[in-house]
Amino acid sequence: MKVAPSLLSCDFSKMGEEIIRVDKAGADLIHLDVMDGHFVPNLTIGPAIVKAIRPYTKLPFDVHLMIDYPLDYVDAFADAGADIITFHLESMSDPDLTIEKIRSRNVKPGVVIKPGTPAEEVYPYLDKVYMVLVMTVEPGFGGQAFMEDMMPKVVAIKKESEKRGLEILVEVDGGISEKSVVHAAKAGVDICVSGTGIFKAEDAADAVKILQNSDKN
């Protein structure tokens, strides 16, 4: 399983150093949570920060837009150095137009669903996206408990993708730890996002390795 440390849990006063730390720890991607204070009740980072931290690593930037109008910000985050842009199907932007816009910028598109949104909502877009992100907490804040009952969604999306001959990556985000990642691995998750589980660990490299090897047990 690939591991994407979420910068939401890093020391914001040392973001560059924190990125270097998890890069050296063996992370596969860097996950960036973008919140607008409207779609979710929190504010985080914008394109200027993404651009500022881009030089600190060559790892792919996995940018998760938790904002009302993601279509309006695709260009800004593409310019800032995003490699993957995921957006919520519950947002106000047209999904097809948003996916098309992301693709037009040579960035990999992905769709995200909240815990209350059924897996079937992503099916119309499976042939157009690189990744589906299944939220395993209510989006907006880090440090929440993993919702194991989201795993049937992962299984359903993987099965539907395979049925169509598609190789869609499924990512989960929220409450990922050494214990909860076992459920994600059993469900067939490809990428797990972990914030506090990595940044607050005594040894980030050990934490990353445990998550990466969870699907080999």
N, C-alpha and C. Protein backbone atom coordinates (compact mmCIF):
# COMPACT_ATOMS: atom_id res chain seq x y z
N MET A 1 0.84 -1.20 0.00
CA MET A 1 0.00 0.00 0.00
C MET A 1 0.88 1.25 0.00
N LYS A 2 0.46 2.24 -0.77
CA LYS A 2 1.19 3.50 -0.78
C LYS A 2 0.71 4.38 0.37
N VAL A 3 1.61 5.22 0.86
CA VAL A 3 1.31 6.05 2.02
C VAL A 3 1.50 7.53 1.69
N ALA A 4 0.48 8.32 2.02
CA ALA A 4 0.51 9.76 1.78
C ALA A 4 0.35 10.51 3.10
N PRO A 5 1.44 10.95 3.71
CA PRO A 5 1.32 11.73 4.94
C PRO A 5 0.54 13.03 4.69
N SER A 6 -0.39 13.31 5.59
CA SER A 6 -1.20 14.53 5.46
C SER A 6 -0.54 15.67 6.21
N LEU A 7 -0.21 16.73 5.48
CA LEU A 7 0.45 17.89 6.09
C LEU A 7 -0.45 18.62 7.08
N LEU A 8 -1.73 18.27 7.11
CA LEU A 8 -2.65 18.88 8.07
C LEU A 8 -2.17 18.65 9.50
N SER A 9 -1.41 17.57 9.71
CA SER A 9 -0.94 17.22 11.06
C SER A 9 0.51 17.60 11.31
N CYS A 10 1.14 18.27 10.35
CA CYS A 10 2.55 18.63 10.55
C CYS A 10 2.65 19.92 11.36
N ASP A 11 3.87 20.28 11.70
CA ASP A 11 4.15 21.56 12.35
C ASP A 11 4.15 22.63 11.27
N PHE A 12 3.11 23.44 11.22
CA PHE A 12 2.96 24.43 10.15
C PHE A 12 4.07 25.48 10.14
N SER A 13 4.76 25.63 11.25
CA SER A 13 5.86 26.62 11.29
C SER A 13 7.13 26.07 10.66
N LYS A 14 7.11 24.74 10.36
CA LYS A 14 8.29 24.10 9.76
C LYS A 14 7.87 23.19 8.61
N MET A 15 6.99 23.66 7.75
CA MET A 15 6.42 22.79 6.72
C MET A 15 7.48 22.20 5.79
N GLY A 16 8.43 23.00 5.41
CA GLY A 16 9.48 22.51 4.52
C GLY A 16 10.26 21.37 5.17
N GLU A 17 10.67 21.57 6.44
CA GLU A 17 11.41 20.54 7.17
C GLU A 17 10.57 19.29 7.37
N GLU A 18 9.28 19.49 7.63
CA GLU A 18 8.38 18.36 7.85
C GLU A 18 8.24 17.51 6.58
N ILE A 19 8.18 18.18 5.44
CA ILE A 19 8.10 17.47 4.16
C ILE A 19 9.37 16.66 3.92
N ILE A 20 10.52 17.26 4.17
CA ILE A 20 11.80 16.56 4.02
C ILE A 20 11.84 15.34 4.95
N ARG A 21 11.32 15.51 6.15
CA ARG A 21 11.34 14.42 7.15
C ARG A 21 10.54 13.21 6.67
N VAL A 22 9.31 13.44 6.15
CA VAL A 22 8.50 12.30 5.72
C VAL A 22 8.95 11.75 4.36
N ASP A 23 9.59 12.60 3.57
CA ASP A 23 10.20 12.12 2.32
C ASP A 23 11.30 11.12 2.66
N LYS A 24 12.19 11.50 3.58
CA LYS A 24 13.28 10.61 4.01
C LYS A 24 12.74 9.36 4.71
N ALA A 25 11.54 9.48 5.30
CA ALA A 25 10.93 8.36 6.00
C ALA A 25 10.36 7.32 5.04
N GLY A 26 10.32 7.67 3.73
CA GLY A 26 9.87 6.70 2.73
C GLY A 26 8.46 6.88 2.23
N ALA A 27 7.85 8.04 2.48
CA ALA A 27 6.49 8.30 1.99
C ALA A 27 6.43 8.22 0.47
N ASP A 28 5.25 7.87 -0.04
CA ASP A 28 5.06 7.74 -1.49
C ASP A 28 4.51 9.00 -2.13
N LEU A 29 3.68 9.74 -1.39
CA LEU A 29 3.08 10.98 -1.86
C LEU A 29 3.00 11.94 -0.68
N ILE A 30 2.70 13.19 -0.97
CA ILE A 30 2.41 14.18 0.08
C ILE A 30 0.96 14.62 -0.10
N HIS A 31 0.16 14.48 0.95
CA HIS A 31 -1.27 14.83 0.88
C HIS A 31 -1.49 16.22 1.44
N LEU A 32 -2.15 17.06 0.64
CA LEU A 32 -2.39 18.45 1.02
C LEU A 32 -3.90 18.71 1.10
N ASP A 33 -4.37 19.01 2.29
CA ASP A 33 -5.80 19.27 2.50
C ASP A 33 -6.08 20.75 2.35
N VAL A 34 -6.90 21.09 1.38
CA VAL A 34 -7.26 22.48 1.11
C VAL A 34 -8.70 22.70 1.55
N MET A 35 -8.92 23.57 2.53
CA MET A 35 -10.25 23.82 3.08
C MET A 35 -10.57 25.31 3.00
N ASP A 36 -11.82 25.61 2.65
CA ASP A 36 -12.19 27.01 2.40
C ASP A 36 -13.03 27.66 3.49
N GLY A 37 -13.33 26.92 4.56
CA GLY A 37 -14.15 27.49 5.62
C GLY A 37 -15.63 27.51 5.31
N HIS A 38 -16.01 27.04 4.12
CA HIS A 38 -17.42 26.97 3.71
C HIS A 38 -17.86 25.52 3.51
N PHE A 39 -17.15 24.82 2.64
CA PHE A 39 -17.48 23.42 2.38
C PHE A 39 -17.27 22.59 3.64
N VAL A 40 -16.20 22.92 4.37
CA VAL A 40 -15.95 22.33 5.69
C VAL A 40 -15.64 23.48 6.65
N PRO A 41 -15.89 23.28 7.94
CA PRO A 41 -15.73 24.38 8.90
C PRO A 41 -14.29 24.59 9.36
N ASN A 42 -13.40 24.75 8.41
CA ASN A 42 -12.00 24.96 8.75
C ASN A 42 -11.32 25.64 7.58
N LEU A 43 -10.25 26.35 7.85
CA LEU A 43 -9.43 26.99 6.82
C LEU A 43 -8.02 26.44 6.90
N THR A 44 -7.44 26.10 5.76
CA THR A 44 -6.06 25.62 5.81
C THR A 44 -5.17 26.39 4.85
N ILE A 45 -4.74 25.75 3.78
CA ILE A 45 -3.75 26.36 2.89
C ILE A 45 -4.33 26.64 1.51
N GLY A 46 -3.64 27.54 0.79
CA GLY A 46 -4.05 27.87 -0.57
C GLY A 46 -2.90 27.64 -1.54
N PRO A 47 -3.08 28.03 -2.80
CA PRO A 47 -2.06 27.79 -3.82
C PRO A 47 -0.69 28.39 -3.50
N ALA A 48 -0.66 29.54 -2.84
CA ALA A 48 0.63 30.18 -2.53
C ALA A 48 1.49 29.30 -1.63
N ILE A 49 0.85 28.65 -0.66
CA ILE A 49 1.59 27.75 0.24
C ILE A 49 2.07 26.52 -0.53
N VAL A 50 1.19 25.95 -1.35
CA VAL A 50 1.56 24.78 -2.14
C VAL A 50 2.78 25.10 -3.01
N LYS A 51 2.76 26.25 -3.64
CA LYS A 51 3.89 26.66 -4.49
C LYS A 51 5.17 26.83 -3.66
N ALA A 52 5.02 27.40 -2.47
CA ALA A 52 6.19 27.66 -1.61
C ALA A 52 6.85 26.38 -1.13
N ILE A 53 6.06 25.33 -0.89
CA ILE A 53 6.63 24.08 -0.36
C ILE A 53 6.98 23.08 -1.46
N ARG A 54 6.58 23.37 -2.69
CA ARG A 54 6.84 22.44 -3.80
C ARG A 54 8.32 22.08 -3.95
N PRO A 55 9.26 23.02 -3.78
CA PRO A 55 10.67 22.69 -4.00
C PRO A 55 11.28 21.73 -2.97
N TYR A 56 10.58 21.45 -1.88
CA TYR A 56 11.16 20.64 -0.81
C TYR A 56 11.16 19.14 -1.08
N THR A 57 10.46 18.69 -2.11
CA THR A 57 10.41 17.27 -2.42
C THR A 57 10.05 17.04 -3.88
N LYS A 58 10.45 15.89 -4.39
CA LYS A 58 10.04 15.49 -5.73
C LYS A 58 8.84 14.54 -5.67
N LEU A 59 8.39 14.19 -4.46
CA LEU A 59 7.23 13.31 -4.31
C LEU A 59 5.99 13.97 -4.90
N PRO A 60 5.07 13.17 -5.46
CA PRO A 60 3.84 13.74 -6.01
C PRO A 60 3.02 14.47 -4.93
N PHE A 61 2.49 15.62 -5.29
CA PHE A 61 1.58 16.36 -4.42
C PHE A 61 0.14 15.94 -4.73
N ASP A 62 -0.50 15.35 -3.74
CA ASP A 62 -1.87 14.86 -3.81
C ASP A 62 -2.75 15.92 -3.13
N VAL A 63 -3.35 16.78 -3.93
CA VAL A 63 -4.09 17.93 -3.40
C VAL A 63 -5.58 17.64 -3.31
N HIS A 64 -6.10 17.66 -2.10
CA HIS A 64 -7.49 17.32 -1.82
C HIS A 64 -8.27 18.61 -1.57
N LEU A 65 -9.12 18.98 -2.53
CA LEU A 65 -9.87 20.23 -2.45
C LEU A 65 -11.19 20.02 -1.70
N MET A 66 -11.25 20.52 -0.49
CA MET A 66 -12.49 20.51 0.30
C MET A 66 -13.07 21.92 0.24
N ILE A 67 -13.49 22.28 -0.98
CA ILE A 67 -13.97 23.64 -1.21
C ILE A 67 -15.26 23.61 -2.04
N ASP A 68 -16.02 24.69 -1.96
CA ASP A 68 -17.33 24.74 -2.64
C ASP A 68 -17.22 24.70 -4.15
N TYR A 69 -16.24 25.43 -4.70
CA TYR A 69 -16.14 25.57 -6.16
C TYR A 69 -14.76 25.15 -6.67
N PRO A 70 -14.46 23.85 -6.65
CA PRO A 70 -13.12 23.39 -7.06
C PRO A 70 -12.75 23.76 -8.49
N LEU A 71 -13.73 23.79 -9.38
CA LEU A 71 -13.44 24.12 -10.78
C LEU A 71 -12.72 25.46 -10.91
N ASP A 72 -13.09 26.40 -10.07
CA ASP A 72 -12.52 27.75 -10.14
C ASP A 72 -11.05 27.80 -9.71
N TYR A 73 -10.57 26.74 -9.06
CA TYR A 73 -9.22 26.78 -8.50
C TYR A 73 -8.26 25.75 -9.11
N VAL A 74 -8.72 25.03 -10.12
CA VAL A 74 -7.87 24.03 -10.75
C VAL A 74 -6.59 24.65 -11.30
N ASP A 75 -6.72 25.73 -12.04
CA ASP A 75 -5.54 26.37 -12.64
C ASP A 75 -4.54 26.80 -11.57
N ALA A 76 -5.04 27.39 -10.49
CA ALA A 76 -4.16 27.90 -9.44
C ALA A 76 -3.35 26.78 -8.79
N PHE A 77 -4.01 25.65 -8.51
CA PHE A 77 -3.29 24.55 -7.87
C PHE A 77 -2.41 23.78 -8.86
N ALA A 78 -2.83 23.73 -10.12
CA ALA A 78 -1.97 23.13 -11.15
C ALA A 78 -0.70 23.96 -11.31
N ASP A 79 -0.86 25.27 -11.35
CA ASP A 79 0.29 26.17 -11.46
C ASP A 79 1.21 26.05 -10.25
N ALA A 80 0.62 25.76 -9.09
CA ALA A 80 1.39 25.68 -7.84
C ALA A 80 2.19 24.39 -7.72
N GLY A 81 1.87 23.40 -8.57
CA GLY A 81 2.65 22.17 -8.56
C GLY A 81 1.91 20.91 -8.16
N ALA A 82 0.58 20.93 -8.19
CA ALA A 82 -0.19 19.72 -7.88
C ALA A 82 0.03 18.65 -8.94
N ASP A 83 0.19 17.40 -8.52
CA ASP A 83 0.29 16.27 -9.44
C ASP A 83 -1.04 15.53 -9.56
N ILE A 84 -1.78 15.53 -8.47
CA ILE A 84 -3.12 14.93 -8.41
C ILE A 84 -4.03 15.97 -7.76
N ILE A 85 -5.21 16.17 -8.34
CA ILE A 85 -6.21 17.04 -7.70
C ILE A 85 -7.49 16.24 -7.53
N THR A 86 -7.91 16.10 -6.28
CA THR A 86 -9.18 15.44 -6.00
C THR A 86 -10.17 16.47 -5.47
N PHE A 87 -11.44 16.27 -5.82
CA PHE A 87 -12.48 17.20 -5.37
C PHE A 87 -13.73 16.41 -5.00
N HIS A 88 -14.56 17.02 -4.19
CA HIS A 88 -15.75 16.34 -3.68
C HIS A 88 -16.92 16.38 -4.66
N LEU A 89 -17.56 15.22 -4.81
CA LEU A 89 -18.78 15.17 -5.61
C LEU A 89 -19.90 15.97 -4.94
N GLU A 90 -19.76 16.24 -3.66
CA GLU A 90 -20.77 17.04 -2.94
C GLU A 90 -20.56 18.54 -3.12
N SER A 91 -19.51 18.94 -3.84
CA SER A 91 -19.24 20.37 -4.05
C SER A 91 -20.21 20.96 -5.07
N MET A 92 -20.07 22.25 -5.33
CA MET A 92 -21.00 22.97 -6.21
C MET A 92 -20.59 22.94 -7.68
N SER A 93 -19.36 22.52 -7.96
CA SER A 93 -18.88 22.51 -9.35
C SER A 93 -19.36 21.27 -10.10
N ASP A 94 -19.57 21.42 -11.40
CA ASP A 94 -19.96 20.29 -12.25
C ASP A 94 -18.80 19.28 -12.30
N PRO A 95 -19.04 18.01 -11.91
CA PRO A 95 -17.95 17.03 -11.87
C PRO A 95 -17.27 16.80 -13.21
N ASP A 96 -18.06 16.67 -14.28
CA ASP A 96 -17.47 16.41 -15.59
C ASP A 96 -16.57 17.55 -16.04
N LEU A 97 -17.03 18.78 -15.85
CA LEU A 97 -16.24 19.94 -16.24
C LEU A 97 -14.97 20.05 -15.40
N THR A 98 -15.10 19.73 -14.12
CA THR A 98 -13.94 19.81 -13.22
C THR A 98 -12.89 18.77 -13.59
N ILE A 99 -13.34 17.55 -13.86
CA ILE A 99 -12.41 16.49 -14.28
C ILE A 99 -11.72 16.88 -15.59
N GLU A 100 -12.51 17.38 -16.52
CA GLU A 100 -11.97 17.79 -17.82
C GLU A 100 -10.92 18.89 -17.66
N LYS A 101 -11.20 19.83 -16.78
CA LYS A 101 -10.28 20.94 -16.53
C LYS A 101 -8.97 20.43 -15.92
N ILE A 102 -9.08 19.53 -14.95
CA ILE A 102 -7.88 18.97 -14.32
C ILE A 102 -7.03 18.24 -15.36
N ARG A 103 -7.68 17.42 -16.18
CA ARG A 103 -6.97 16.69 -17.23
C ARG A 103 -6.28 17.64 -18.22
N SER A 104 -6.95 18.74 -18.52
CA SER A 104 -6.41 19.69 -19.49
C SER A 104 -5.10 20.32 -19.01
N ARG A 105 -4.88 20.25 -17.70
CA ARG A 105 -3.65 20.80 -17.11
C ARG A 105 -2.59 19.71 -16.87
N ASN A 106 -2.81 18.53 -17.47
CA ASN A 106 -1.88 17.40 -17.29
C ASN A 106 -1.69 17.02 -15.82
N VAL A 107 -2.77 17.16 -15.07
CA VAL A 107 -2.81 16.76 -13.67
C VAL A 107 -3.78 15.58 -13.57
N LYS A 108 -3.51 14.64 -12.67
CA LYS A 108 -4.38 13.47 -12.52
C LYS A 108 -5.61 13.82 -11.69
N PRO A 109 -6.83 13.53 -12.23
CA PRO A 109 -8.04 13.89 -11.50
C PRO A 109 -8.55 12.77 -10.60
N GLY A 110 -9.18 13.17 -9.51
CA GLY A 110 -9.83 12.20 -8.63
C GLY A 110 -11.07 12.79 -8.02
N VAL A 111 -12.02 11.92 -7.66
CA VAL A 111 -13.24 12.37 -6.98
C VAL A 111 -13.24 11.84 -5.56
N VAL A 112 -13.91 12.59 -4.68
CA VAL A 112 -13.96 12.28 -3.26
C VAL A 112 -15.40 12.19 -2.82
N ILE A 113 -15.68 11.24 -1.90
CA ILE A 113 -17.02 11.17 -1.31
C ILE A 113 -16.92 11.18 0.21
N LYS A 114 -17.83 11.92 0.82
CA LYS A 114 -17.95 11.96 2.28
C LYS A 114 -18.57 10.66 2.79
N PRO A 115 -18.51 10.43 4.10
CA PRO A 115 -19.09 9.20 4.65
C PRO A 115 -20.57 8.99 4.33
N GLY A 116 -21.34 10.06 4.19
CA GLY A 116 -22.77 9.91 3.93
C GLY A 116 -23.14 9.70 2.47
N THR A 117 -22.16 9.75 1.57
CA THR A 117 -22.41 9.61 0.13
C THR A 117 -22.16 8.17 -0.31
N PRO A 118 -23.13 7.54 -0.97
CA PRO A 118 -22.95 6.14 -1.38
C PRO A 118 -21.89 5.97 -2.47
N ALA A 119 -21.32 4.77 -2.50
CA ALA A 119 -20.27 4.46 -3.48
C ALA A 119 -20.75 4.65 -4.91
N GLU A 120 -22.03 4.36 -5.16
CA GLU A 120 -22.58 4.42 -6.51
C GLU A 120 -22.46 5.81 -7.14
N GLU A 121 -22.32 6.84 -6.31
CA GLU A 121 -22.21 8.21 -6.83
C GLU A 121 -20.96 8.40 -7.69
N VAL A 122 -19.94 7.61 -7.45
CA VAL A 122 -18.70 7.79 -8.22
C VAL A 122 -18.71 6.99 -9.53
N TYR A 123 -19.63 6.03 -9.67
CA TYR A 123 -19.61 5.14 -10.83
C TYR A 123 -19.63 5.87 -12.18
N PRO A 124 -20.42 6.95 -12.34
CA PRO A 124 -20.43 7.62 -13.64
C PRO A 124 -19.09 8.23 -14.05
N TYR A 125 -18.17 8.36 -13.10
CA TYR A 125 -16.91 9.05 -13.38
C TYR A 125 -15.70 8.11 -13.38
N LEU A 126 -15.93 6.84 -13.16
CA LEU A 126 -14.81 5.90 -13.02
C LEU A 126 -13.91 5.83 -14.26
N ASP A 127 -14.50 5.99 -15.43
CA ASP A 127 -13.69 5.90 -16.66
C ASP A 127 -12.97 7.21 -16.96
N LYS A 128 -13.15 8.22 -16.09
CA LYS A 128 -12.55 9.53 -16.35
C LYS A 128 -11.52 9.94 -15.29
N VAL A 129 -11.43 9.17 -14.19
CA VAL A 129 -10.56 9.60 -13.10
C VAL A 129 -9.40 8.63 -12.88
N TYR A 130 -8.40 9.12 -12.21
CA TYR A 130 -7.22 8.35 -11.83
C TYR A 130 -7.43 7.68 -10.48
N MET A 131 -8.22 8.35 -9.63
CA MET A 131 -8.33 7.91 -8.25
C MET A 131 -9.69 8.27 -7.66
N VAL A 132 -10.13 7.46 -6.72
CA VAL A 132 -11.31 7.77 -5.91
C VAL A 132 -10.87 7.81 -4.46
N LEU A 133 -11.20 8.90 -3.77
CA LEU A 133 -10.88 9.03 -2.36
C LEU A 133 -12.15 8.82 -1.54
N VAL A 134 -12.13 7.81 -0.68
CA VAL A 134 -13.25 7.53 0.21
C VAL A 134 -12.89 8.07 1.60
N MET A 135 -13.64 9.06 2.06
CA MET A 135 -13.38 9.63 3.37
C MET A 135 -13.80 8.66 4.47
N THR A 136 -12.89 8.42 5.41
CA THR A 136 -13.17 7.52 6.53
C THR A 136 -13.36 8.30 7.83
N VAL A 137 -13.55 9.61 7.68
CA VAL A 137 -14.01 10.51 8.76
C VAL A 137 -14.81 11.61 8.06
N GLU A 138 -15.53 12.40 8.84
CA GLU A 138 -16.17 13.58 8.27
C GLU A 138 -15.06 14.60 7.99
N PRO A 139 -14.96 15.10 6.76
CA PRO A 139 -13.85 15.99 6.42
C PRO A 139 -13.90 17.32 7.17
N GLY A 140 -12.72 17.86 7.44
CA GLY A 140 -12.65 19.18 8.05
C GLY A 140 -11.59 19.31 9.12
N PHE A 141 -11.37 18.24 9.89
CA PHE A 141 -10.38 18.30 10.97
C PHE A 141 -9.61 17.00 11.06
N GLY A 142 -8.34 17.10 11.46
CA GLY A 142 -7.53 15.91 11.64
C GLY A 142 -7.77 15.27 13.01
N GLY A 143 -7.24 14.06 13.18
CA GLY A 143 -7.29 13.41 14.49
C GLY A 143 -8.58 12.70 14.83
N GLN A 144 -9.48 12.50 13.85
CA GLN A 144 -10.74 11.82 14.13
C GLN A 144 -10.58 10.29 14.06
N ALA A 145 -11.58 9.59 14.59
CA ALA A 145 -11.54 8.12 14.61
C ALA A 145 -11.95 7.54 13.26
N PHE A 146 -11.25 6.51 12.85
CA PHE A 146 -11.50 5.79 11.59
C PHE A 146 -12.88 5.14 11.59
N MET A 147 -13.60 5.29 10.47
CA MET A 147 -14.94 4.71 10.34
C MET A 147 -14.82 3.43 9.50
N GLU A 148 -14.76 2.30 10.20
CA GLU A 148 -14.58 1.01 9.52
C GLU A 148 -15.74 0.69 8.57
N ASP A 149 -16.92 1.23 8.87
CA ASP A 149 -18.08 0.92 8.04
C ASP A 149 -18.04 1.59 6.68
N MET A 150 -16.97 2.30 6.37
CA MET A 150 -16.76 2.85 5.03
C MET A 150 -16.09 1.84 4.09
N MET A 151 -15.56 0.77 4.65
CA MET A 151 -14.80 -0.18 3.84
C MET A 151 -15.64 -0.89 2.76
N PRO A 152 -16.94 -1.19 3.01
CA PRO A 152 -17.73 -1.76 1.91
C PRO A 152 -17.79 -0.87 0.68
N LYS A 153 -17.68 0.44 0.86
CA LYS A 153 -17.64 1.36 -0.29
C LYS A 153 -16.38 1.11 -1.12
N VAL A 154 -15.27 0.93 -0.42
CA VAL A 154 -14.00 0.66 -1.10
C VAL A 154 -14.13 -0.61 -1.93
N VAL A 155 -14.66 -1.66 -1.31
CA VAL A 155 -14.83 -2.94 -1.98
C VAL A 155 -15.72 -2.78 -3.22
N ALA A 156 -16.83 -2.05 -3.06
CA ALA A 156 -17.78 -1.86 -4.16
C ALA A 156 -17.14 -1.10 -5.33
N ILE A 157 -16.37 -0.06 -5.01
CA ILE A 157 -15.73 0.74 -6.06
C ILE A 157 -14.66 -0.07 -6.78
N LYS A 158 -13.89 -0.86 -6.03
CA LYS A 158 -12.88 -1.71 -6.64
C LYS A 158 -13.53 -2.74 -7.57
N LYS A 159 -14.62 -3.35 -7.10
CA LYS A 159 -15.31 -4.37 -7.91
C LYS A 159 -15.87 -3.77 -9.19
N GLU A 160 -16.50 -2.60 -9.08
CA GLU A 160 -17.08 -1.94 -10.25
C GLU A 160 -16.00 -1.57 -11.25
N SER A 161 -14.85 -1.10 -10.74
CA SER A 161 -13.73 -0.73 -11.61
C SER A 161 -13.20 -1.95 -12.36
N GLU A 162 -13.03 -3.04 -11.61
CA GLU A 162 -12.51 -4.27 -12.22
C GLU A 162 -13.48 -4.83 -13.26
N LYS A 163 -14.76 -4.73 -12.96
CA LYS A 163 -15.79 -5.21 -13.88
C LYS A 163 -15.70 -4.48 -15.22
N ARG A 164 -15.32 -3.23 -15.17
CA ARG A 164 -15.21 -2.41 -16.39
C ARG A 164 -13.81 -2.46 -17.00
N GLY A 165 -12.91 -3.21 -16.36
CA GLY A 165 -11.55 -3.29 -16.87
C GLY A 165 -10.74 -2.04 -16.62
N LEU A 166 -11.09 -1.32 -15.55
CA LEU A 166 -10.40 -0.07 -15.21
C LEU A 166 -9.46 -0.30 -14.03
N GLU A 167 -8.35 0.40 -14.04
CA GLU A 167 -7.40 0.33 -12.92
C GLU A 167 -7.45 1.64 -12.14
N ILE A 168 -8.48 1.76 -11.34
CA ILE A 168 -8.67 2.98 -10.54
C ILE A 168 -8.03 2.78 -9.17
N LEU A 169 -7.26 3.75 -8.74
CA LEU A 169 -6.71 3.69 -7.38
C LEU A 169 -7.78 4.16 -6.40
N VAL A 170 -7.87 3.46 -5.27
CA VAL A 170 -8.78 3.90 -4.21
C VAL A 170 -7.94 4.31 -3.00
N GLU A 171 -8.21 5.51 -2.55
CA GLU A 171 -7.49 6.10 -1.42
C GLU A 171 -8.46 6.28 -0.26
N VAL A 172 -7.98 6.14 0.96
CA VAL A 172 -8.80 6.44 2.14
C VAL A 172 -8.09 7.49 2.98
N ASP A 173 -8.88 8.30 3.65
CA ASP A 173 -8.34 9.42 4.41
C ASP A 173 -9.17 9.61 5.67
N GLY A 174 -8.48 9.49 6.82
CA GLY A 174 -9.14 9.77 8.10
C GLY A 174 -8.97 8.66 9.11
N GLY A 175 -8.28 8.97 10.21
CA GLY A 175 -8.14 8.02 11.30
C GLY A 175 -7.29 6.81 10.99
N ILE A 176 -6.37 6.93 10.03
CA ILE A 176 -5.53 5.79 9.66
C ILE A 176 -4.40 5.63 10.68
N SER A 177 -4.34 4.44 11.27
CA SER A 177 -3.31 4.11 12.24
C SER A 177 -2.84 2.69 11.98
N GLU A 178 -1.90 2.24 12.79
CA GLU A 178 -1.38 0.87 12.66
C GLU A 178 -2.51 -0.16 12.79
N LYS A 179 -3.49 0.15 13.63
CA LYS A 179 -4.62 -0.78 13.83
C LYS A 179 -5.65 -0.67 12.71
N SER A 180 -6.08 0.54 12.40
CA SER A 180 -7.17 0.71 11.42
C SER A 180 -6.76 0.39 10.00
N VAL A 181 -5.46 0.52 9.70
CA VAL A 181 -5.01 0.28 8.32
C VAL A 181 -5.21 -1.17 7.91
N VAL A 182 -5.30 -2.08 8.89
CA VAL A 182 -5.54 -3.49 8.59
C VAL A 182 -6.87 -3.66 7.86
N HIS A 183 -7.89 -2.92 8.30
CA HIS A 183 -9.21 -3.00 7.65
C HIS A 183 -9.14 -2.43 6.24
N ALA A 184 -8.37 -1.35 6.07
CA ALA A 184 -8.20 -0.75 4.74
C ALA A 184 -7.50 -1.71 3.80
N ALA A 185 -6.48 -2.39 4.30
CA ALA A 185 -5.73 -3.34 3.48
C ALA A 185 -6.63 -4.49 3.03
N LYS A 186 -7.45 -5.00 3.94
CA LYS A 186 -8.35 -6.11 3.60
C LYS A 186 -9.36 -5.70 2.53
N ALA A 187 -9.76 -4.43 2.54
CA ALA A 187 -10.75 -3.94 1.58
C ALA A 187 -10.13 -3.68 0.21
N GLY A 188 -8.79 -3.68 0.13
CA GLY A 188 -8.13 -3.46 -1.16
C GLY A 188 -7.70 -2.04 -1.43
N VAL A 189 -7.59 -1.23 -0.38
CA VAL A 189 -7.16 0.16 -0.54
C VAL A 189 -5.76 0.23 -1.14
N ASP A 190 -5.55 1.17 -2.06
CA ASP A 190 -4.26 1.35 -2.72
C ASP A 190 -3.38 2.39 -2.04
N ILE A 191 -4.01 3.45 -1.54
CA ILE A 191 -3.26 4.55 -0.91
C ILE A 191 -3.97 4.92 0.39
N CYS A 192 -3.21 5.05 1.47
CA CYS A 192 -3.81 5.54 2.71
C CYS A 192 -3.17 6.87 3.09
N VAL A 193 -4.01 7.78 3.51
CA VAL A 193 -3.57 9.08 4.00
C VAL A 193 -3.47 8.98 5.52
N SER A 194 -2.36 9.41 6.06
CA SER A 194 -2.21 9.38 7.52
C SER A 194 -1.55 10.66 7.98
N GLY A 195 -2.17 11.32 8.94
CA GLY A 195 -1.63 12.57 9.46
C GLY A 195 -0.94 12.38 10.79
N THR A 196 -1.74 12.33 11.86
CA THR A 196 -1.17 12.19 13.20
C THR A 196 -0.41 10.86 13.34
N GLY A 197 -0.88 9.82 12.64
CA GLY A 197 -0.24 8.51 12.72
C GLY A 197 1.22 8.53 12.27
N ILE A 198 1.58 9.51 11.44
CA ILE A 198 2.96 9.63 10.97
C ILE A 198 3.68 10.79 11.64
N PHE A 199 3.07 11.98 11.59
CA PHE A 199 3.76 13.17 12.11
C PHE A 199 3.93 13.16 13.62
N LYS A 200 3.04 12.47 14.34
CA LYS A 200 3.16 12.41 15.80
C LYS A 200 3.84 11.13 16.28
N ALA A 201 4.22 10.27 15.33
CA ALA A 201 4.89 9.01 15.70
C ALA A 201 6.30 9.28 16.22
N GLU A 202 6.79 8.39 17.09
CA GLU A 202 8.17 8.53 17.59
C GLU A 202 9.16 8.39 16.45
N ASP A 203 8.88 7.48 15.53
CA ASP A 203 9.75 7.26 14.37
C ASP A 203 8.88 7.25 13.12
N ALA A 204 8.97 8.32 12.33
CA ALA A 204 8.12 8.45 11.14
C ALA A 204 8.39 7.34 10.12
N ALA A 205 9.67 6.94 10.00
CA ALA A 205 10.01 5.90 9.04
C ALA A 205 9.37 4.57 9.41
N ASP A 206 9.36 4.25 10.70
CA ASP A 206 8.71 3.02 11.16
C ASP A 206 7.21 3.08 10.89
N ALA A 207 6.62 4.24 11.17
CA ALA A 207 5.17 4.41 10.97
C ALA A 207 4.80 4.24 9.49
N VAL A 208 5.59 4.83 8.61
CA VAL A 208 5.35 4.71 7.17
C VAL A 208 5.49 3.26 6.72
N LYS A 209 6.54 2.59 7.19
CA LYS A 209 6.81 1.20 6.79
C LYS A 209 5.69 0.26 7.22
N ILE A 210 5.18 0.46 8.43
CA ILE A 210 4.09 -0.38 8.95
C ILE A 210 2.85 -0.24 8.06
N LEU A 211 2.53 1.00 7.67
CA LEU A 211 1.37 1.23 6.81
C LEU A 211 1.59 0.63 5.42
N GLN A 212 2.78 0.82 4.88
CA GLN A 212 3.10 0.31 3.54
C GLN A 212 3.01 -1.21 3.48
N ASN A 213 3.37 -1.86 4.54
CA ASN A 213 3.40 -3.33 4.57
C ASN A 213 2.11 -3.96 5.07
N SER A 214 1.12 -3.15 5.36
CA SER A 214 -0.14 -3.66 5.94
C SER A 214 -0.86 -4.61 5.01
N ASP A 215 -0.69 -4.47 3.71
CA ASP A 215 -1.38 -5.35 2.76
C ASP A 215 -0.56 -6.60 2.42
N LYS A 216 0.57 -6.78 3.10
CA LYS A 216 1.41 -7.95 2.85
C LYS A 216 1.24 -9.00 3.95
N ASN A 217 0.49 -8.65 4.99
CA ASN A 217 0.30 -9.57 6.12
C ASN A 217 -0.81 -10.58 5.85
